[in-house]
N, C-alpha and C. Protein backbone atom coordinates (compact mmCIF):
# COMPACT_ATOMS: atom_id res chain seq x y z
N MET A 1 18.19 0.81 30.48
CA MET A 1 18.10 2.25 30.29
C MET A 1 18.83 2.96 31.41
N ASP A 2 19.31 4.10 31.11
CA ASP A 2 20.07 4.91 32.06
C ASP A 2 19.11 5.66 32.98
N CYS A 3 19.05 5.27 34.24
CA CYS A 3 18.14 5.90 35.20
C CYS A 3 18.47 7.36 35.44
N ARG A 4 19.72 7.74 35.21
CA ARG A 4 20.10 9.14 35.41
C ARG A 4 19.33 10.06 34.48
N ARG A 5 19.03 9.57 33.28
CA ARG A 5 18.24 10.38 32.35
C ARG A 5 16.86 10.65 32.93
N GLY A 6 16.26 9.63 33.53
CA GLY A 6 14.95 9.80 34.16
C GLY A 6 15.01 10.79 35.30
N ALA A 7 16.13 10.79 36.04
CA ALA A 7 16.27 11.73 37.15
C ALA A 7 16.31 13.16 36.64
N ARG A 8 16.88 13.37 35.47
CA ARG A 8 16.94 14.72 34.90
C ARG A 8 15.56 15.22 34.49
N LEU A 9 14.59 14.33 34.40
CA LEU A 9 13.25 14.73 33.99
C LEU A 9 12.48 15.42 35.11
N ALA A 10 12.88 15.20 36.33
CA ALA A 10 12.17 15.77 37.48
C ALA A 10 12.34 17.28 37.50
N GLY A 11 11.54 17.92 38.30
CA GLY A 11 11.66 19.37 38.43
C GLY A 11 10.49 20.07 37.79
N SER A 12 10.79 21.06 36.96
CA SER A 12 9.74 21.89 36.40
C SER A 12 9.07 21.28 35.16
N VAL A 13 9.51 20.13 34.73
CA VAL A 13 8.92 19.48 33.56
C VAL A 13 7.61 18.82 33.97
N SER A 14 6.57 18.99 33.15
CA SER A 14 5.26 18.41 33.47
C SER A 14 5.33 16.89 33.49
N VAL A 15 4.41 16.28 34.18
CA VAL A 15 4.33 14.82 34.25
C VAL A 15 4.11 14.26 32.84
N ALA A 16 3.26 14.91 32.05
CA ALA A 16 3.02 14.44 30.68
C ALA A 16 4.30 14.46 29.87
N ASP A 17 5.09 15.53 30.01
CA ASP A 17 6.36 15.61 29.28
C ASP A 17 7.35 14.56 29.78
N GLN A 18 7.34 14.28 31.07
CA GLN A 18 8.21 13.24 31.61
C GLN A 18 7.81 11.88 31.03
N ALA A 19 6.50 11.60 30.99
CA ALA A 19 6.02 10.33 30.45
C ALA A 19 6.40 10.20 28.98
N TRP A 20 6.22 11.30 28.24
CA TRP A 20 6.57 11.27 26.82
C TRP A 20 8.07 11.03 26.63
N ALA A 21 8.89 11.69 27.42
CA ALA A 21 10.34 11.50 27.33
C ALA A 21 10.72 10.05 27.61
N LEU A 22 10.05 9.44 28.58
CA LEU A 22 10.33 8.03 28.88
C LEU A 22 9.89 7.12 27.74
N LEU A 23 8.75 7.42 27.12
CA LEU A 23 8.31 6.63 25.97
C LEU A 23 9.30 6.76 24.81
N LEU A 24 9.81 7.96 24.60
CA LEU A 24 10.82 8.15 23.56
C LEU A 24 12.08 7.35 23.87
N GLN A 25 12.49 7.37 25.12
CA GLN A 25 13.68 6.61 25.52
C GLN A 25 13.46 5.12 25.27
N ILE A 26 12.27 4.63 25.62
CA ILE A 26 11.96 3.22 25.37
C ILE A 26 12.01 2.94 23.87
N GLY A 27 11.39 3.82 23.10
CA GLY A 27 11.36 3.63 21.66
C GLY A 27 12.74 3.65 21.04
N LEU A 28 13.54 4.58 21.48
CA LEU A 28 14.87 4.72 20.88
C LEU A 28 15.84 3.65 21.33
N GLU A 29 15.69 3.17 22.54
CA GLU A 29 16.67 2.21 23.07
C GLU A 29 16.16 0.77 23.03
N LEU A 30 15.09 0.49 23.74
CA LEU A 30 14.61 -0.90 23.83
C LEU A 30 14.09 -1.42 22.49
N VAL A 31 13.24 -0.64 21.85
CA VAL A 31 12.65 -1.09 20.60
C VAL A 31 13.73 -1.21 19.52
N SER A 32 14.61 -0.23 19.45
CA SER A 32 15.68 -0.29 18.45
C SER A 32 16.57 -1.50 18.67
N ALA A 33 16.90 -1.79 19.91
CA ALA A 33 17.75 -2.95 20.20
C ALA A 33 17.02 -4.25 19.85
N GLN A 34 15.74 -4.32 20.17
CA GLN A 34 14.97 -5.53 19.87
C GLN A 34 14.85 -5.72 18.35
N PHE A 35 14.61 -4.63 17.63
CA PHE A 35 14.52 -4.71 16.17
C PHE A 35 15.85 -5.16 15.57
N ALA A 36 16.94 -4.56 16.02
CA ALA A 36 18.27 -4.92 15.50
C ALA A 36 18.57 -6.39 15.76
N ALA A 37 18.24 -6.88 16.95
CA ALA A 37 18.49 -8.29 17.27
C ALA A 37 17.63 -9.21 16.41
N ALA A 38 16.38 -8.83 16.19
CA ALA A 38 15.47 -9.67 15.40
C ALA A 38 15.92 -9.76 13.95
N VAL A 39 16.27 -8.63 13.35
CA VAL A 39 16.68 -8.69 11.94
C VAL A 39 18.01 -9.43 11.78
N ALA A 40 18.91 -9.27 12.74
CA ALA A 40 20.18 -10.00 12.67
C ALA A 40 19.94 -11.50 12.80
N GLU A 41 19.08 -11.87 13.74
CA GLU A 41 18.77 -13.28 13.96
C GLU A 41 18.18 -13.93 12.71
N LEU A 42 17.41 -13.17 11.95
CA LEU A 42 16.75 -13.70 10.75
C LEU A 42 17.53 -13.39 9.47
N ASP A 43 18.73 -12.85 9.63
CA ASP A 43 19.61 -12.53 8.50
C ASP A 43 18.93 -11.59 7.51
N LEU A 44 18.32 -10.54 8.04
CA LEU A 44 17.66 -9.52 7.23
C LEU A 44 18.33 -8.17 7.45
N ALA A 45 18.32 -7.36 6.43
CA ALA A 45 18.68 -5.95 6.59
C ALA A 45 17.43 -5.24 7.11
N PRO A 46 17.59 -4.15 7.85
CA PRO A 46 16.41 -3.43 8.34
C PRO A 46 15.41 -3.07 7.24
N ALA A 47 15.89 -2.63 6.09
CA ALA A 47 14.97 -2.28 4.99
C ALA A 47 14.22 -3.51 4.48
N GLN A 48 14.87 -4.67 4.50
CA GLN A 48 14.19 -5.90 4.08
C GLN A 48 13.08 -6.25 5.06
N ALA A 49 13.34 -6.09 6.34
CA ALA A 49 12.31 -6.37 7.35
C ALA A 49 11.13 -5.43 7.17
N ARG A 50 11.41 -4.16 6.92
CA ARG A 50 10.33 -3.19 6.71
C ARG A 50 9.53 -3.55 5.46
N ALA A 51 10.19 -4.02 4.41
CA ALA A 51 9.49 -4.43 3.19
C ALA A 51 8.60 -5.64 3.47
N LEU A 52 9.10 -6.62 4.21
CA LEU A 52 8.28 -7.78 4.56
C LEU A 52 7.04 -7.35 5.33
N HIS A 53 7.20 -6.35 6.18
CA HIS A 53 6.07 -5.84 6.95
C HIS A 53 5.00 -5.26 6.03
N GLU A 54 5.41 -4.60 4.96
CA GLU A 54 4.47 -3.90 4.08
C GLU A 54 3.84 -4.80 3.02
N LEU A 55 4.47 -5.92 2.71
CA LEU A 55 3.96 -6.79 1.65
C LEU A 55 2.98 -7.82 2.19
N ASP A 56 2.20 -8.38 1.28
CA ASP A 56 1.15 -9.32 1.64
C ASP A 56 1.22 -10.53 0.71
N LEU A 57 0.71 -11.63 1.17
CA LEU A 57 0.70 -12.86 0.38
C LEU A 57 -0.34 -12.78 -0.74
N GLU A 58 -1.49 -12.19 -0.45
CA GLU A 58 -2.62 -12.21 -1.38
C GLU A 58 -2.82 -10.92 -2.17
N ARG A 59 -2.34 -9.79 -1.67
CA ARG A 59 -2.60 -8.50 -2.32
C ARG A 59 -1.29 -7.86 -2.76
N PRO A 60 -0.88 -8.12 -4.00
CA PRO A 60 0.37 -7.52 -4.49
C PRO A 60 0.26 -5.99 -4.56
N ILE A 61 1.40 -5.34 -4.39
CA ILE A 61 1.47 -3.89 -4.56
C ILE A 61 2.60 -3.58 -5.54
N SER A 62 2.55 -2.41 -6.13
CA SER A 62 3.58 -2.03 -7.10
C SER A 62 4.87 -1.65 -6.38
N MET A 63 5.95 -1.63 -7.13
CA MET A 63 7.23 -1.20 -6.55
C MET A 63 7.13 0.26 -6.13
N ARG A 64 6.40 1.05 -6.89
CA ARG A 64 6.22 2.46 -6.54
C ARG A 64 5.50 2.59 -5.19
N GLU A 65 4.46 1.78 -5.00
CA GLU A 65 3.73 1.83 -3.73
C GLU A 65 4.62 1.38 -2.57
N LEU A 66 5.42 0.34 -2.79
CA LEU A 66 6.34 -0.10 -1.74
C LEU A 66 7.32 1.02 -1.40
N ALA A 67 7.83 1.69 -2.42
CA ALA A 67 8.76 2.81 -2.18
C ALA A 67 8.08 3.89 -1.35
N GLU A 68 6.83 4.21 -1.65
CA GLU A 68 6.10 5.22 -0.88
C GLU A 68 5.93 4.78 0.56
N ARG A 69 5.53 3.52 0.76
CA ARG A 69 5.32 3.01 2.12
C ARG A 69 6.61 3.01 2.93
N LEU A 70 7.73 2.74 2.26
CA LEU A 70 9.02 2.72 2.95
C LEU A 70 9.67 4.10 3.00
N ARG A 71 9.00 5.07 2.40
CA ARG A 71 9.55 6.44 2.30
C ARG A 71 10.96 6.39 1.72
N SER A 72 11.05 5.69 0.61
CA SER A 72 12.34 5.47 -0.04
C SER A 72 12.25 5.90 -1.50
N ASP A 73 13.37 6.21 -2.07
CA ASP A 73 13.42 6.52 -3.49
C ASP A 73 13.15 5.24 -4.28
N PRO A 74 12.30 5.29 -5.30
CA PRO A 74 12.01 4.07 -6.07
C PRO A 74 13.26 3.37 -6.61
N SER A 75 14.31 4.13 -6.90
CA SER A 75 15.53 3.51 -7.42
C SER A 75 16.18 2.56 -6.41
N ASN A 76 15.91 2.75 -5.13
CA ASN A 76 16.47 1.87 -4.10
C ASN A 76 15.68 0.58 -3.94
N ILE A 77 14.46 0.57 -4.43
CA ILE A 77 13.58 -0.57 -4.20
C ILE A 77 13.96 -1.77 -5.07
N THR A 78 14.45 -1.53 -6.27
CA THR A 78 14.78 -2.64 -7.17
C THR A 78 15.79 -3.59 -6.54
N GLY A 79 16.88 -3.07 -6.01
CA GLY A 79 17.89 -3.92 -5.38
C GLY A 79 17.35 -4.62 -4.14
N LEU A 80 16.56 -3.90 -3.37
CA LEU A 80 15.94 -4.48 -2.17
C LEU A 80 15.07 -5.67 -2.55
N VAL A 81 14.22 -5.48 -3.55
CA VAL A 81 13.32 -6.55 -4.00
C VAL A 81 14.12 -7.69 -4.62
N ASP A 82 15.16 -7.37 -5.39
CA ASP A 82 16.01 -8.41 -5.98
C ASP A 82 16.58 -9.33 -4.90
N ARG A 83 17.05 -8.75 -3.81
CA ARG A 83 17.65 -9.55 -2.72
C ARG A 83 16.58 -10.41 -2.03
N LEU A 84 15.40 -9.84 -1.81
CA LEU A 84 14.32 -10.62 -1.19
C LEU A 84 13.85 -11.74 -2.13
N GLU A 85 13.79 -11.43 -3.41
CA GLU A 85 13.37 -12.42 -4.40
C GLU A 85 14.40 -13.55 -4.49
N ALA A 86 15.68 -13.22 -4.43
CA ALA A 86 16.74 -14.23 -4.48
C ALA A 86 16.64 -15.21 -3.31
N ARG A 87 16.13 -14.73 -2.19
CA ARG A 87 15.94 -15.59 -1.01
C ARG A 87 14.61 -16.33 -1.04
N GLY A 88 13.81 -16.08 -2.07
CA GLY A 88 12.52 -16.75 -2.19
C GLY A 88 11.46 -16.18 -1.26
N LEU A 89 11.64 -14.93 -0.83
CA LEU A 89 10.72 -14.33 0.13
C LEU A 89 9.63 -13.49 -0.53
N VAL A 90 9.91 -12.95 -1.70
CA VAL A 90 8.91 -12.19 -2.45
C VAL A 90 8.94 -12.65 -3.90
N GLU A 91 7.85 -12.34 -4.59
CA GLU A 91 7.79 -12.63 -6.02
C GLU A 91 7.12 -11.48 -6.73
N ARG A 92 7.51 -11.33 -7.99
CA ARG A 92 6.89 -10.33 -8.85
C ARG A 92 5.77 -11.03 -9.62
N ARG A 93 4.57 -10.48 -9.54
CA ARG A 93 3.43 -11.06 -10.23
C ARG A 93 2.92 -10.08 -11.28
N PRO A 94 2.55 -10.59 -12.46
CA PRO A 94 1.99 -9.69 -13.47
C PRO A 94 0.67 -9.09 -12.98
N ASP A 95 0.48 -7.81 -13.24
CA ASP A 95 -0.77 -7.13 -12.90
C ASP A 95 -1.84 -7.60 -13.89
N PRO A 96 -3.00 -8.05 -13.39
CA PRO A 96 -4.03 -8.56 -14.30
C PRO A 96 -4.60 -7.49 -15.24
N THR A 97 -4.46 -6.22 -14.89
CA THR A 97 -5.03 -5.15 -15.73
C THR A 97 -3.99 -4.46 -16.60
N ASP A 98 -2.71 -4.62 -16.28
CA ASP A 98 -1.65 -3.95 -17.05
C ASP A 98 -0.39 -4.81 -17.01
N ARG A 99 -0.11 -5.49 -18.12
CA ARG A 99 1.02 -6.43 -18.15
C ARG A 99 2.37 -5.76 -17.96
N ARG A 100 2.44 -4.45 -18.14
CA ARG A 100 3.71 -3.74 -17.95
C ARG A 100 4.08 -3.63 -16.47
N ILE A 101 3.10 -3.77 -15.61
CA ILE A 101 3.31 -3.59 -14.17
C ILE A 101 3.44 -4.95 -13.50
N LYS A 102 4.42 -5.04 -12.62
CA LYS A 102 4.58 -6.25 -11.80
C LYS A 102 4.23 -5.89 -10.36
N GLY A 103 3.34 -6.67 -9.79
CA GLY A 103 3.01 -6.49 -8.38
C GLY A 103 3.94 -7.31 -7.52
N LEU A 104 4.24 -6.81 -6.34
CA LEU A 104 5.10 -7.52 -5.39
C LEU A 104 4.24 -8.18 -4.33
N ALA A 105 4.52 -9.43 -4.08
CA ALA A 105 3.78 -10.16 -3.05
C ALA A 105 4.74 -11.08 -2.30
N LEU A 106 4.39 -11.36 -1.07
CA LEU A 106 5.15 -12.33 -0.30
C LEU A 106 4.93 -13.72 -0.86
N THR A 107 5.94 -14.55 -0.77
CA THR A 107 5.78 -15.98 -1.01
C THR A 107 5.38 -16.60 0.33
N ARG A 108 5.07 -17.87 0.31
CA ARG A 108 4.76 -18.54 1.59
C ARG A 108 5.96 -18.46 2.53
N ALA A 109 7.16 -18.65 1.98
CA ALA A 109 8.37 -18.55 2.80
C ALA A 109 8.51 -17.14 3.37
N GLY A 110 8.19 -16.12 2.57
CA GLY A 110 8.24 -14.74 3.04
C GLY A 110 7.24 -14.48 4.14
N ALA A 111 6.04 -15.03 3.98
CA ALA A 111 5.01 -14.85 5.01
C ALA A 111 5.43 -15.54 6.31
N GLN A 112 6.03 -16.72 6.19
CA GLN A 112 6.49 -17.44 7.38
C GLN A 112 7.61 -16.68 8.08
N LEU A 113 8.54 -16.13 7.30
CA LEU A 113 9.63 -15.37 7.91
C LEU A 113 9.09 -14.10 8.57
N ARG A 114 8.11 -13.46 7.92
CA ARG A 114 7.51 -12.27 8.52
C ARG A 114 6.85 -12.62 9.85
N GLU A 115 6.18 -13.75 9.94
CA GLU A 115 5.56 -14.17 11.20
C GLU A 115 6.62 -14.40 12.27
N ARG A 116 7.75 -14.99 11.90
CA ARG A 116 8.85 -15.17 12.86
C ARG A 116 9.38 -13.82 13.32
N LEU A 117 9.50 -12.88 12.38
CA LEU A 117 9.96 -11.53 12.72
C LEU A 117 8.99 -10.88 13.70
N PHE A 118 7.69 -10.94 13.39
CA PHE A 118 6.69 -10.34 14.27
C PHE A 118 6.70 -11.00 15.65
N ALA A 119 6.82 -12.33 15.67
CA ALA A 119 6.85 -13.03 16.96
C ALA A 119 8.01 -12.52 17.80
N ARG A 120 9.14 -12.32 17.16
CA ARG A 120 10.33 -11.83 17.87
C ARG A 120 10.14 -10.39 18.34
N LEU A 121 9.61 -9.55 17.45
CA LEU A 121 9.43 -8.13 17.78
C LEU A 121 8.36 -7.92 18.85
N TYR A 122 7.31 -8.74 18.84
CA TYR A 122 6.20 -8.55 19.77
C TYR A 122 6.38 -9.33 21.07
N SER A 123 7.53 -9.95 21.26
CA SER A 123 7.82 -10.60 22.54
C SER A 123 8.40 -9.56 23.48
N ALA A 124 7.81 -9.45 24.64
CA ALA A 124 8.24 -8.42 25.59
C ALA A 124 9.69 -8.63 26.01
N PRO A 125 10.45 -7.54 26.08
CA PRO A 125 11.83 -7.64 26.54
C PRO A 125 11.88 -7.84 28.05
N PRO A 126 13.03 -8.24 28.58
CA PRO A 126 13.16 -8.47 30.02
C PRO A 126 12.75 -7.27 30.87
N ALA A 127 12.94 -6.06 30.38
CA ALA A 127 12.56 -4.88 31.15
C ALA A 127 11.06 -4.86 31.44
N VAL A 128 10.27 -5.48 30.58
CA VAL A 128 8.82 -5.54 30.79
C VAL A 128 8.44 -6.82 31.53
N THR A 129 9.01 -7.95 31.13
CA THR A 129 8.64 -9.21 31.78
C THR A 129 9.08 -9.27 33.23
N ALA A 130 10.07 -8.46 33.61
CA ALA A 130 10.53 -8.44 35.00
C ALA A 130 9.55 -7.71 35.92
N LEU A 131 8.65 -6.93 35.34
CA LEU A 131 7.66 -6.22 36.16
C LEU A 131 6.64 -7.21 36.70
N PRO A 132 6.10 -6.94 37.89
CA PRO A 132 5.01 -7.79 38.38
C PRO A 132 3.83 -7.75 37.40
N GLU A 133 3.07 -8.82 37.34
CA GLU A 133 1.96 -8.90 36.38
C GLU A 133 0.98 -7.74 36.54
N ARG A 134 0.75 -7.32 37.75
CA ARG A 134 -0.16 -6.18 37.98
C ARG A 134 0.36 -4.93 37.28
N ASP A 135 1.66 -4.68 37.38
CA ASP A 135 2.26 -3.53 36.71
C ASP A 135 2.22 -3.69 35.18
N GLN A 136 2.41 -4.92 34.71
CA GLN A 136 2.32 -5.17 33.27
C GLN A 136 0.93 -4.83 32.75
N ARG A 137 -0.10 -5.24 33.51
CA ARG A 137 -1.48 -4.93 33.11
C ARG A 137 -1.73 -3.43 33.12
N THR A 138 -1.25 -2.76 34.15
CA THR A 138 -1.42 -1.30 34.24
C THR A 138 -0.72 -0.62 33.07
N LEU A 139 0.50 -1.03 32.78
CA LEU A 139 1.25 -0.47 31.66
C LEU A 139 0.49 -0.68 30.35
N ARG A 140 0.03 -1.90 30.13
CA ARG A 140 -0.74 -2.20 28.92
C ARG A 140 -1.98 -1.32 28.82
N ASP A 141 -2.72 -1.22 29.90
CA ASP A 141 -3.97 -0.45 29.88
C ASP A 141 -3.72 1.03 29.62
N VAL A 142 -2.69 1.58 30.23
CA VAL A 142 -2.37 3.00 30.00
C VAL A 142 -1.93 3.20 28.56
N LEU A 143 -1.09 2.31 28.05
CA LEU A 143 -0.63 2.45 26.66
C LEU A 143 -1.78 2.27 25.67
N LEU A 144 -2.72 1.39 25.97
CA LEU A 144 -3.90 1.25 25.11
C LEU A 144 -4.69 2.56 25.07
N ARG A 145 -4.80 3.23 26.21
CA ARG A 145 -5.51 4.52 26.23
C ARG A 145 -4.74 5.56 25.42
N VAL A 146 -3.42 5.55 25.49
CA VAL A 146 -2.62 6.48 24.70
C VAL A 146 -2.83 6.21 23.21
N VAL A 147 -2.78 4.93 22.81
CA VAL A 147 -3.01 4.58 21.41
C VAL A 147 -4.41 5.00 20.99
N SER A 148 -5.39 4.75 21.84
CA SER A 148 -6.77 5.13 21.54
C SER A 148 -6.90 6.63 21.32
N LYS A 149 -6.27 7.42 22.18
CA LYS A 149 -6.32 8.88 22.04
C LYS A 149 -5.60 9.34 20.78
N SER A 150 -4.49 8.70 20.46
CA SER A 150 -3.70 9.15 19.31
C SER A 150 -4.33 8.76 17.98
N THR A 151 -5.10 7.67 17.97
CA THR A 151 -5.72 7.21 16.72
C THR A 151 -7.18 7.62 16.61
N GLY A 152 -7.75 8.11 17.71
CA GLY A 152 -9.15 8.51 17.70
C GLY A 152 -10.10 7.33 17.75
N THR A 153 -9.59 6.16 18.11
CA THR A 153 -10.46 4.99 18.21
C THR A 153 -10.82 4.75 19.66
N GLU A 154 -11.99 4.23 19.86
CA GLU A 154 -12.43 3.94 21.22
C GLU A 154 -12.36 2.45 21.53
N ASP A 155 -11.87 1.65 20.59
CA ASP A 155 -11.81 0.20 20.78
C ASP A 155 -10.69 -0.15 21.73
N ARG A 156 -11.06 -0.50 22.95
CA ARG A 156 -10.06 -0.94 23.94
C ARG A 156 -10.22 -2.42 24.23
N SER A 157 -11.04 -3.10 23.43
CA SER A 157 -11.35 -4.49 23.71
C SER A 157 -10.19 -5.43 23.46
N GLY A 158 -9.27 -5.03 22.62
CA GLY A 158 -8.17 -5.93 22.30
C GLY A 158 -6.97 -5.17 21.80
N LEU A 159 -6.01 -5.90 21.37
CA LEU A 159 -4.77 -5.30 20.90
C LEU A 159 -4.67 -5.35 19.38
N SER A 160 -5.81 -5.52 18.70
CA SER A 160 -5.76 -5.69 17.25
C SER A 160 -5.06 -4.54 16.55
N LYS A 161 -5.15 -3.35 17.08
CA LYS A 161 -4.53 -2.19 16.44
C LYS A 161 -3.01 -2.21 16.57
N VAL A 162 -2.51 -2.93 17.56
CA VAL A 162 -1.06 -2.94 17.76
C VAL A 162 -0.44 -4.30 17.46
N GLN A 163 -1.25 -5.26 17.07
CA GLN A 163 -0.71 -6.55 16.68
C GLN A 163 -0.33 -6.52 15.22
N PRO A 164 0.63 -7.32 14.81
CA PRO A 164 1.02 -7.34 13.40
C PRO A 164 -0.13 -7.83 12.54
N HIS A 165 -0.17 -7.33 11.33
CA HIS A 165 -1.20 -7.79 10.41
C HIS A 165 -0.71 -9.04 9.70
N THR A 166 -1.64 -9.81 9.23
CA THR A 166 -1.28 -11.03 8.48
C THR A 166 -1.91 -11.01 7.12
């Protein structure tokens, strides 16, 4: 990250605004770079990775629901699902209550690839691992409090809210 940007934050800007600006910088630069590297490594398009994140092995969802979750036009979902299905990562399952509807679910291969994606995304980048362990713990604890405040949850016992779902 460009330290000069952080220097511009000093002055009349509140500490809270400085912290928020730094979090945005981390999100826009470090997280984006890590996501891009992970999807490239796994030969996925970003939209495919997002779809894998939203789908489940046991609980199929409709194409319309996937489109809503991805904030995408339903017309874009068909091609996306076709490409994932061609790779054996998702399957269309008949809805038990309405044969006209096909639910989308991960295959075992899709679930395994999603776990590899999550493992890659949730591995700390060098900017974090280079910090002393004490600073890493402080950073984690502060960020847990931020997440707790933003979600209204008081559970600080673990990272379940920020870990990938399975």
